[in-house]
Amino acid sequence: MGKKNSGKKISAEDIHTEFVNALATMKNRTLGGAEPQEVKKIAEEYRPQFAQCNVDIHICCVLEISSTPGPAGQKETHNKVTKWITYVDRAVAPKNYKPKHVWDG
């Protein structure tokens, strides 16, 4: 995880690039992308590096449930899960800010 710091301060952009590369090389993937537990594991590994740059990282998820009329008048239920990563710049965000829909795993 992460490159060795040779005394030079690493930027949040550099850490982000490493983080995204780590996600891209994950072994466990589904047709819809990465397995949430694996993303969370990698995010936890990079969390301290982001924190050194005053950036918080959050895995977010929301489940949307809808229904449509089905055959014979019965409802068909549809689940849509949307997952994303939110980065919070602590130098800009309000002190107690926490994004909505943070997923705890």
Protein backbone atom coordinates (compact mmCIF):
# COMPACT_ATOMS: atom_id res chain seq x y z
CA MET A 1 0.00 0.00 0.00
CA GLY A 2 1.24 3.44 -0.90
CA LYS A 3 4.65 4.54 -1.99
CA LYS A 4 7.46 5.25 0.43
CA ASN A 5 7.68 8.91 1.32
CA SER A 6 11.21 10.14 0.57
CA GLY A 7 10.83 13.16 2.84
CA LYS A 8 8.72 14.97 0.24
CA LYS A 9 5.15 15.79 1.20
CA ILE A 10 2.70 13.69 -0.80
CA SER A 11 -0.40 15.51 -2.03
CA ALA A 12 -3.97 14.31 -1.70
CA GLU A 13 -4.00 14.00 -5.50
CA ASP A 14 -1.01 11.62 -5.37
CA ILE A 15 -2.73 9.54 -2.67
CA HIS A 16 -5.95 9.54 -4.70
CA THR A 17 -4.08 8.25 -7.75
CA GLU A 18 -2.56 5.41 -5.68
CA PHE A 19 -5.97 4.65 -4.13
CA VAL A 20 -7.73 4.47 -7.51
CA ASN A 21 -4.95 2.27 -8.88
CA ALA A 22 -5.37 -0.06 -5.88
CA LEU A 23 -9.11 -0.25 -6.57
CA ALA A 24 -8.48 -0.97 -10.26
CA THR A 25 -6.31 -3.98 -9.43
CA MET A 26 -8.77 -5.62 -7.01
CA LYS A 27 -9.30 -9.33 -7.56
CA ASN A 28 -12.87 -9.67 -6.27
CA ARG A 29 -15.17 -7.89 -8.68
CA THR A 30 -18.79 -8.24 -9.68
CA LEU A 31 -20.45 -7.32 -12.97
CA GLY A 32 -21.48 -4.00 -11.40
CA GLY A 33 -17.99 -3.13 -10.18
CA ALA A 34 -16.07 -3.82 -7.04
CA GLU A 35 -17.26 -5.74 -4.01
CA PRO A 36 -18.16 -3.16 -1.32
CA GLN A 37 -16.21 -4.93 1.44
CA GLU A 38 -13.05 -4.89 -0.68
CA VAL A 39 -13.47 -1.19 -1.47
CA LYS A 40 -13.95 -0.48 2.23
CA LYS A 41 -10.83 -2.48 3.12
CA ILE A 42 -8.68 -0.56 0.64
CA ALA A 43 -10.22 2.77 1.72
CA GLU A 44 -9.34 1.97 5.34
CA GLU A 45 -5.73 1.34 4.30
CA TYR A 46 -5.54 4.77 2.65
CA ARG A 47 -7.56 6.67 5.29
CA PRO A 48 -4.47 7.67 7.38
CA GLN A 49 -2.66 9.02 4.31
CA PHE A 50 -5.69 11.09 3.29
CA ALA A 51 -6.00 12.32 6.90
CA GLN A 52 -2.43 13.64 6.74
CA CYS A 53 -3.63 15.84 3.87
CA ASN A 54 -6.67 16.94 5.91
CA VAL A 55 -9.04 14.87 3.75
CA ASP A 56 -11.61 12.36 5.00
CA ILE A 57 -12.76 9.50 2.81
CA HIS A 58 -16.21 7.90 3.08
CA ILE A 59 -17.81 4.97 1.30
CA CYS A 60 -21.45 5.86 0.63
CA CYS A 61 -24.43 3.80 -0.45
CA VAL A 62 -28.12 4.33 -0.99
CA LEU A 63 -30.84 1.78 -1.73
CA GLU A 64 -33.80 2.95 -3.79
CA ILE A 65 -36.87 0.75 -3.84
CA SER A 66 -39.56 1.24 -6.42
CA SER A 67 -42.46 -0.77 -7.72
CA THR A 68 -44.25 -1.09 -11.01
CA PRO A 69 -47.44 -2.86 -11.95
CA GLY A 70 -46.78 -6.44 -12.90
CA PRO A 71 -48.85 -9.13 -14.56
CA ALA A 72 -52.30 -9.73 -13.11
CA GLY A 73 -52.12 -6.43 -11.23
CA GLN A 74 -49.43 -7.53 -8.80
CA LYS A 75 -46.64 -5.13 -7.93
CA GLU A 76 -43.08 -5.87 -8.98
CA THR A 77 -40.47 -4.46 -6.63
CA HIS A 78 -37.17 -3.11 -7.97
CA ASN A 79 -34.06 -2.39 -5.92
CA LYS A 80 -31.40 -0.01 -7.15
CA VAL A 81 -28.18 0.28 -5.15
CA THR A 82 -25.92 3.24 -5.84
CA LYS A 83 -22.41 3.28 -4.32
CA TRP A 84 -19.84 6.08 -4.38
CA ILE A 85 -16.84 7.50 -2.58
CA THR A 86 -16.98 10.95 -0.98
CA TYR A 87 -13.87 12.95 -0.15
CA VAL A 88 -14.21 15.72 2.44
CA ASP A 89 -11.64 18.52 2.50
CA ARG A 90 -11.49 19.38 6.20
CA ALA A 91 -9.98 22.79 5.41
CA VAL A 92 -13.18 23.74 3.59
CA ALA A 93 -16.02 21.65 5.07
CA PRO A 94 -17.90 22.71 8.22
CA LYS A 95 -16.37 21.26 11.40
CA ASN A 96 -19.00 18.56 12.04
CA TYR A 97 -19.79 17.77 8.41
CA LYS A 98 -20.46 14.14 7.56
CA PRO A 99 -21.85 13.16 4.16
CA LYS A 100 -25.26 11.54 3.89
CA HIS A 101 -25.55 7.83 3.22
CA VAL A 102 -22.19 6.80 4.72
CA TRP A 103 -21.97 3.02 4.55
CA ASP A 104 -20.51 1.32 7.64
CA GLY A 105 -20.22 -2.09 6.06
